[in-house]
């Protein structure tokens, strides 16, 4: 009887060929790759030899649920396969790293634009732009200073009052003079600030 192929057997073959997914079938140069079920440790007897009885996609294809039967003890159990997500990170000024929180950024923008004529879709576009930059960066992280600069630039284009509100929190103005200085910079550029 031939030995069951394991993950270790299959990985070199996948690395050495061009692999793509067509529907639910893997293909490589030279034809389809046979489906292999990788064994999972049985939660009852700890054996690593099982067979898949049933496979189903759930949550719109994000998770694959597999019903397995242990060939050693005969008991059945369920395993779930998901895509491992690598979190996007922002790097604080003091060097700490924190997960990027889309909702936190969106709430900060909404607070800055409160009672201003800025459509919510514009705020979503700003958040989407930041998220795209994170997604496109090789390191999957951005400095909060860069995030803040981009947000302030977009808000300055949309609404000057929202820009000043956001800048006052982001730049942590210590006193009224710093706040007035920023307002004078806006006015000095010939930009009209309407309350």
C-alpha atoms as a PDB file:
ATOM      1  CA  UNK A   1       0.000   0.000   0.000  1.00  0.00           C
ATOM      2  CA  UNK A   2       1.412   3.432  -0.908  1.00  0.00           C
ATOM      3  CA  UNK A   3       2.158   5.925   1.802  1.00  0.00           C
ATOM      4  CA  UNK A   4      -0.120   8.943   2.178  1.00  0.00           C
ATOM      5  CA  UNK A   5       1.518  12.148   0.905  1.00  0.00           C
ATOM      6  CA  UNK A   6       2.068  14.746   3.563  1.00  0.00           C
ATOM      7  CA  UNK A   7       2.404  18.506   3.470  1.00  0.00           C
ATOM      8  CA  UNK A   8       6.206  18.141   3.513  1.00  0.00           C
ATOM      9  CA  UNK A   9       6.030  16.034   0.330  1.00  0.00           C
ATOM     10  CA  UNK A  10       3.822  18.481  -1.529  1.00  0.00           C
ATOM     11  CA  UNK A  11       5.447  21.822  -0.647  1.00  0.00           C
ATOM     12  CA  UNK A  12       8.648  21.343  -2.709  1.00  0.00           C
ATOM     13  CA  UNK A  13       6.524  20.390  -5.729  1.00  0.00           C
ATOM     14  CA  UNK A  14       4.401  23.500  -5.318  1.00  0.00           C
ATOM     15  CA  UNK A  15       7.429  25.749  -4.883  1.00  0.00           C
ATOM     16  CA  UNK A  16       9.139  24.397  -7.995  1.00  0.00           C
ATOM     17  CA  UNK A  17       6.194  24.968 -10.327  1.00  0.00           C
ATOM     18  CA  UNK A  18       3.857  27.740 -11.290  1.00  0.00           C
ATOM     19  CA  UNK A  19       0.662  27.091  -9.361  1.00  0.00           C
ATOM     20  CA  UNK A  20      -2.707  28.795  -9.772  1.00  0.00           C
ATOM     21  CA  UNK A  21      -6.237  28.210  -8.612  1.00  0.00           C
ATOM     22  CA  UNK A  22      -9.023  27.540 -11.121  1.00  0.00           C
ATOM     23  CA  UNK A  23     -12.374  27.210  -9.404  1.00  0.00           C
ATOM     24  CA  UNK A  24     -11.685  24.704  -6.677  1.00  0.00           C
ATOM     25  CA  UNK A  25      -8.882  22.912  -8.576  1.00  0.00           C
ATOM     26  CA  UNK A  26      -5.149  23.605  -8.291  1.00  0.00           C
ATOM     27  CA  UNK A  27      -3.227  23.495 -11.557  1.00  0.00           C
ATOM     28  CA  UNK A  28       0.464  23.700 -12.291  1.00  0.00           C
ATOM     29  CA  UNK A  29       2.595  23.682 -15.400  1.00  0.00           C
ATOM     30  CA  UNK A  30       2.072  20.236 -16.758  1.00  0.00           C
ATOM     31  CA  UNK A  31      -1.523  19.711 -15.587  1.00  0.00           C
ATOM     32  CA  UNK A  32      -3.694  19.510 -12.509  1.00  0.00           C
ATOM     33  CA  UNK A  33      -2.273  18.812  -9.083  1.00  0.00           C
ATOM     34  CA  UNK A  34      -4.172  16.003  -7.379  1.00  0.00           C
ATOM     35  CA  UNK A  35      -6.025  17.026  -4.222  1.00  0.00           C
ATOM     36  CA  UNK A  36      -4.256  15.929  -1.085  1.00  0.00           C
ATOM     37  CA  UNK A  37      -5.749  15.922   2.316  1.00  0.00           C
ATOM     38  CA  UNK A  38      -3.205  16.779   4.940  1.00  0.00           C
ATOM     39  CA  UNK A  39      -3.567  14.827   8.136  1.00  0.00           C
ATOM     40  CA  UNK A  40      -4.426  16.602  11.354  1.00  0.00           C
ATOM     41  CA  UNK A  41      -3.691  15.396  14.868  1.00  0.00           C
ATOM     42  CA  UNK A  42      -6.732  13.586  16.288  1.00  0.00           C
ATOM     43  CA  UNK A  43      -8.029  15.387  19.411  1.00  0.00           C
ATOM     44  CA  UNK A  44      -9.033  12.019  20.941  1.00  0.00           C
ATOM     45  CA  UNK A  45      -6.047   9.699  20.438  1.00  0.00           C
ATOM     46  CA  UNK A  46      -3.366  12.123  19.068  1.00  0.00           C
ATOM     47  CA  UNK A  47      -2.810   9.995  15.945  1.00  0.00           C
ATOM     48  CA  UNK A  48      -1.838  11.922  12.820  1.00  0.00           C
ATOM     49  CA  UNK A  49      -3.587   9.703  10.310  1.00  0.00           C
ATOM     50  CA  UNK A  50      -7.126  10.578   9.274  1.00  0.00           C
ATOM     51  CA  UNK A  51      -9.347  10.830   6.238  1.00  0.00           C
ATOM     52  CA  UNK A  52     -11.617  13.668   5.173  1.00  0.00           C
ATOM     53  CA  UNK A  53     -15.268  12.624   5.185  1.00  0.00           C
ATOM     54  CA  UNK A  54     -16.807  15.949   4.140  1.00  0.00           C
ATOM     55  CA  UNK A  55     -15.559  19.433   3.100  1.00  0.00           C
ATOM     56  CA  UNK A  56     -17.667  22.573   2.928  1.00  0.00           C
ATOM     57  CA  UNK A  57     -17.008  26.250   2.411  1.00  0.00           C
ATOM     58  CA  UNK A  58     -18.534  28.612   4.905  1.00  0.00           C
ATOM     59  CA  UNK A  59     -18.630  32.372   5.433  1.00  0.00           C
ATOM     60  CA  UNK A  60     -18.443  33.170   1.715  1.00  0.00           C
ATOM     61  CA  UNK A  61     -15.381  31.047   1.058  1.00  0.00           C
ATOM     62  CA  UNK A  62     -13.274  32.494   3.877  1.00  0.00           C
ATOM     63  CA  UNK A  63     -13.307  29.236   5.841  1.00  0.00           C
ATOM     64  CA  UNK A  64     -13.264  25.591   4.796  1.00  0.00           C
ATOM     65  CA  UNK A  65     -14.853  23.194   7.270  1.00  0.00           C
ATOM     66  CA  UNK A  66     -13.627  19.605   7.056  1.00  0.00           C
ATOM     67  CA  UNK A  67     -15.222  16.633   8.801  1.00  0.00           C
ATOM     68  CA  UNK A  68     -12.478  14.093   9.481  1.00  0.00           C
ATOM     69  CA  UNK A  69     -12.362  10.519  10.689  1.00  0.00           C
ATOM     70  CA  UNK A  70      -9.329   9.230  12.549  1.00  0.00           C
ATOM     71  CA  UNK A  71      -8.110   5.968  11.005  1.00  0.00           C
ATOM     72  CA  UNK A  72      -6.574   4.904  14.327  1.00  0.00           C
ATOM     73  CA  UNK A  73      -9.535   5.264  16.714  1.00  0.00           C
ATOM     74  CA  UNK A  74     -12.414   5.735  14.243  1.00  0.00           C
ATOM     75  CA  UNK A  75     -13.786   8.876  15.926  1.00  0.00           C
ATOM     76  CA  UNK A  76     -14.830  11.938  13.933  1.00  0.00           C
ATOM     77  CA  UNK A  77     -13.841  15.557  14.458  1.00  0.00           C
ATOM     78  CA  UNK A  78     -13.982  18.864  12.605  1.00  0.00           C
ATOM     79  CA  UNK A  79     -11.143  21.072  11.432  1.00  0.00           C
ATOM     80  CA  UNK A  80     -11.333  24.572   9.958  1.00  0.00           C
ATOM     81  CA  UNK A  81      -8.976  26.113   7.413  1.00  0.00           C
ATOM     82  CA  UNK A  82      -8.689  29.896   7.221  1.00  0.00           C
ATOM     83  CA  UNK A  83      -6.350  32.343   5.563  1.00  0.00           C
ATOM     84  CA  UNK A  84      -3.871  33.696   8.060  1.00  0.00           C
ATOM     85  CA  UNK A  85      -4.152  37.455   8.070  1.00  0.00           C
ATOM     86  CA  UNK A  86      -1.050  39.535   8.547  1.00  0.00           C
ATOM     87  CA  UNK A  87      -2.163  42.652  10.407  1.00  0.00           C
ATOM     88  CA  UNK A  88      -1.459  46.125   9.115  1.00  0.00           C
ATOM     89  CA  UNK A  89       0.551  48.144  11.612  1.00  0.00           C
ATOM     90  CA  UNK A  90       1.114  51.819  12.336  1.00  0.00           C
ATOM     91  CA  UNK A  91       4.337  52.977  13.965  1.00  0.00           C
ATOM     92  CA  UNK A  92       3.835  55.564  16.684  1.00  0.00           C
ATOM     93  CA  UNK A  93       6.243  58.476  17.198  1.00  0.00           C
ATOM     94  CA  UNK A  94       7.841  56.698  20.172  1.00  0.00           C
ATOM     95  CA  UNK A  95       8.503  53.590  18.044  1.00  0.00           C
ATOM     96  CA  UNK A  96       5.668  51.440  19.375  1.00  0.00           C
ATOM     97  CA  UNK A  97       3.746  49.435  16.811  1.00  0.00           C
ATOM     98  CA  UNK A  98      -0.017  49.190  16.936  1.00  0.00           C
ATOM     99  CA  UNK A  99      -2.562  47.452  14.733  1.00  0.00           C
ATOM    100  CA  UNK A 100      -4.121  49.745  12.161  1.00  0.00           C
ATOM    101  CA  UNK A 101      -7.695  50.352  13.234  1.00  0.00           C
ATOM    102  CA  UNK A 102      -9.838  51.499  10.343  1.00  0.00           C
ATOM    103  CA  UNK A 103     -12.722  52.382  12.664  1.00  0.00           C
ATOM    104  CA  UNK A 104     -10.507  54.502  14.919  1.00  0.00           C
ATOM    105  CA  UNK A 105      -9.314  56.560  11.943  1.00  0.00           C
ATOM    106  CA  UNK A 106     -12.866  56.869  10.590  1.00  0.00           C
ATOM    107  CA  UNK A 107     -14.179  58.040  13.989  1.00  0.00           C
ATOM    108  CA  UNK A 108     -11.397  60.647  14.240  1.00  0.00           C
ATOM    109  CA  UNK A 109     -12.309  61.960  10.808  1.00  0.00           C
ATOM    110  CA  UNK A 110     -16.019  62.000  11.668  1.00  0.00           C
ATOM    111  CA  UNK A 111     -15.281  63.963  14.851  1.00  0.00           C
ATOM    112  CA  UNK A 112     -13.236  66.522  12.910  1.00  0.00           C
ATOM    113  CA  UNK A 113     -16.011  66.864  10.322  1.00  0.00           C
ATOM    114  CA  UNK A 114     -18.873  66.991  12.825  1.00  0.00           C
ATOM    115  CA  UNK A 115     -21.534  69.519  11.699  1.00  0.00           C
ATOM    116  CA  UNK A 116     -19.531  70.264   8.556  1.00  0.00           C
ATOM    117  CA  UNK A 117     -20.708  69.817   4.948  1.00  0.00           C
ATOM    118  CA  UNK A 118     -18.408  66.865   4.295  1.00  0.00           C
ATOM    119  CA  UNK A 119     -20.125  63.799   2.805  1.00  0.00           C
ATOM    120  CA  UNK A 120     -19.386  60.542   4.691  1.00  0.00           C
ATOM    121  CA  UNK A 121     -18.294  58.950   1.396  1.00  0.00           C
ATOM    122  CA  UNK A 122     -15.339  61.358   1.315  1.00  0.00           C
ATOM    123  CA  UNK A 123     -14.227  60.213   4.763  1.00  0.00           C
ATOM    124  CA  UNK A 124     -14.451  56.599   3.595  1.00  0.00           C
ATOM    125  CA  UNK A 125     -12.264  57.495   0.599  1.00  0.00           C
ATOM    126  CA  UNK A 126      -9.591  58.922   2.895  1.00  0.00           C
ATOM    127  CA  UNK A 127      -9.634  55.787   5.063  1.00  0.00           C
ATOM    128  CA  UNK A 128      -9.550  53.593   1.937  1.00  0.00           C
ATOM    129  CA  UNK A 129      -6.533  55.524   0.642  1.00  0.00           C
ATOM    130  CA  UNK A 130      -4.633  54.990   3.907  1.00  0.00           C
ATOM    131  CA  UNK A 131      -5.564  51.312   3.920  1.00  0.00           C
ATOM    132  CA  UNK A 132      -4.378  50.982   0.299  1.00  0.00           C
ATOM    133  CA  UNK A 133      -1.044  52.534   1.200  1.00  0.00           C
ATOM    134  CA  UNK A 134      -0.672  50.006   4.027  1.00  0.00           C
ATOM    135  CA  UNK A 135      -1.650  47.159   1.727  1.00  0.00           C
ATOM    136  CA  UNK A 136       0.812  48.257  -0.945  1.00  0.00           C
ATOM    137  CA  UNK A 137       3.727  48.792   1.431  1.00  0.00           C
ATOM    138  CA  UNK A 138       6.145  45.894   1.571  1.00  0.00           C
ATOM    139  CA  UNK A 139       6.464  46.177   5.351  1.00  0.00           C
ATOM    140  CA  UNK A 140       2.660  46.364   5.831  1.00  0.00           C
ATOM    141  CA  UNK A 141       3.153  49.320   8.156  1.00  0.00           C
ATOM    142  CA  UNK A 142       3.155  53.112   8.021  1.00  0.00           C
ATOM    143  CA  UNK A 143       4.386  55.767  10.419  1.00  0.00           C
ATOM    144  CA  UNK A 144       1.539  57.610  12.129  1.00  0.00           C
ATOM    145  CA  UNK A 145       3.237  60.850  11.069  1.00  0.00           C
ATOM    146  CA  UNK A 146       2.727  59.883   7.414  1.00  0.00           C
ATOM    147  CA  UNK A 147      -0.885  58.813   8.068  1.00  0.00           C
ATOM    148  CA  UNK A 148      -1.556  62.118   9.838  1.00  0.00           C
ATOM    149  CA  UNK A 149       0.047  64.176   7.060  1.00  0.00           C
ATOM    150  CA  UNK A 150      -2.038  62.446   4.381  1.00  0.00           C
ATOM    151  CA  UNK A 151      -5.241  62.850   6.383  1.00  0.00           C
ATOM    152  CA  UNK A 152      -4.557  66.543   7.041  1.00  0.00           C
ATOM    153  CA  UNK A 153      -3.813  67.177   3.370  1.00  0.00           C
ATOM    154  CA  UNK A 154      -7.075  65.496   2.301  1.00  0.00           C
ATOM    155  CA  UNK A 155      -9.077  67.362   4.951  1.00  0.00           C
ATOM    156  CA  UNK A 156      -7.509  70.686   3.920  1.00  0.00           C
ATOM    157  CA  UNK A 157      -8.770  70.021   0.389  1.00  0.00           C
ATOM    158  CA  UNK A 158     -12.260  69.095   1.657  1.00  0.00           C
ATOM    159  CA  UNK A 159     -12.993  71.464   4.527  1.00  0.00           C
ATOM    160  CA  UNK A 160     -10.673  73.969   6.223  1.00  0.00           C
ATOM    161  CA  UNK A 161     -12.492  73.883   9.575  1.00  0.00           C
ATOM    162  CA  UNK A 162     -12.308  70.080   9.708  1.00  0.00           C
ATOM    163  CA  UNK A 163      -8.626  70.371   8.813  1.00  0.00           C
ATOM    164  CA  UNK A 164      -7.924  72.767  11.706  1.00  0.00           C
ATOM    165  CA  UNK A 165      -9.909  70.580  14.111  1.00  0.00           C
ATOM    166  CA  UNK A 166      -7.982  67.465  13.097  1.00  0.00           C
ATOM    167  CA  UNK A 167      -4.651  69.317  13.135  1.00  0.00           C
ATOM    168  CA  UNK A 168      -5.321  70.667  16.626  1.00  0.00           C
ATOM    169  CA  UNK A 169      -5.703  67.138  17.975  1.00  0.00           C
ATOM    170  CA  UNK A 170      -3.054  65.509  15.779  1.00  0.00           C
ATOM    171  CA  UNK A 171      -0.372  68.152  16.328  1.00  0.00           C
ATOM    172  CA  UNK A 172      -1.342  68.550  19.991  1.00  0.00           C
ATOM    173  CA  UNK A 173      -1.355  72.337  19.994  1.00  0.00           C
ATOM    174  CA  UNK A 174      -0.110  73.389  23.413  1.00  0.00           C
ATOM    175  CA  UNK A 175      -1.677  76.839  23.435  1.00  0.00           C
ATOM    176  CA  UNK A 176      -3.812  79.289  21.503  1.00  0.00           C
ATOM    177  CA  UNK A 177      -0.764  80.834  19.788  1.00  0.00           C
ATOM    178  CA  UNK A 178       0.055  77.573  17.980  1.00  0.00           C
ATOM    179  CA  UNK A 179      -3.573  77.259  16.923  1.00  0.00           C
ATOM    180  CA  UNK A 180      -3.626  80.847  15.621  1.00  0.00           C
ATOM    181  CA  UNK A 181      -0.345  80.267  13.806  1.00  0.00           C
ATOM    182  CA  UNK A 182      -1.906  77.361  11.889  1.00  0.00           C
ATOM    183  CA  UNK A 183      -4.944  79.501  11.039  1.00  0.00           C
ATOM    184  CA  UNK A 184      -2.660  82.284   9.789  1.00  0.00           C
ATOM    185  CA  UNK A 185      -0.839  79.753   7.609  1.00  0.00           C
ATOM    186  CA  UNK A 186      -4.153  78.777   6.017  1.00  0.00           C
ATOM    187  CA  UNK A 187      -5.155  82.414   5.516  1.00  0.00           C
ATOM    188  CA  UNK A 188      -1.634  83.275   4.281  1.00  0.00           C
ATOM    189  CA  UNK A 189      -2.034  80.689   1.523  1.00  0.00           C
ATOM    190  CA  UNK A 190      -5.091  82.583   0.396  1.00  0.00           C
ATOM    191  CA  UNK A 191      -7.403  79.811   1.553  1.00  0.00           C
ATOM    192  CA  UNK A 192     -10.762  80.922   2.834  1.00  0.00           C
ATOM    193  CA  UNK A 193     -11.827  79.482   6.193  1.00  0.00           C
ATOM    194  CA  UNK A 194     -15.618  79.571   6.560  1.00  0.00           C
ATOM    195  CA  UNK A 195     -17.205  78.681   9.882  1.00  0.00           C
END
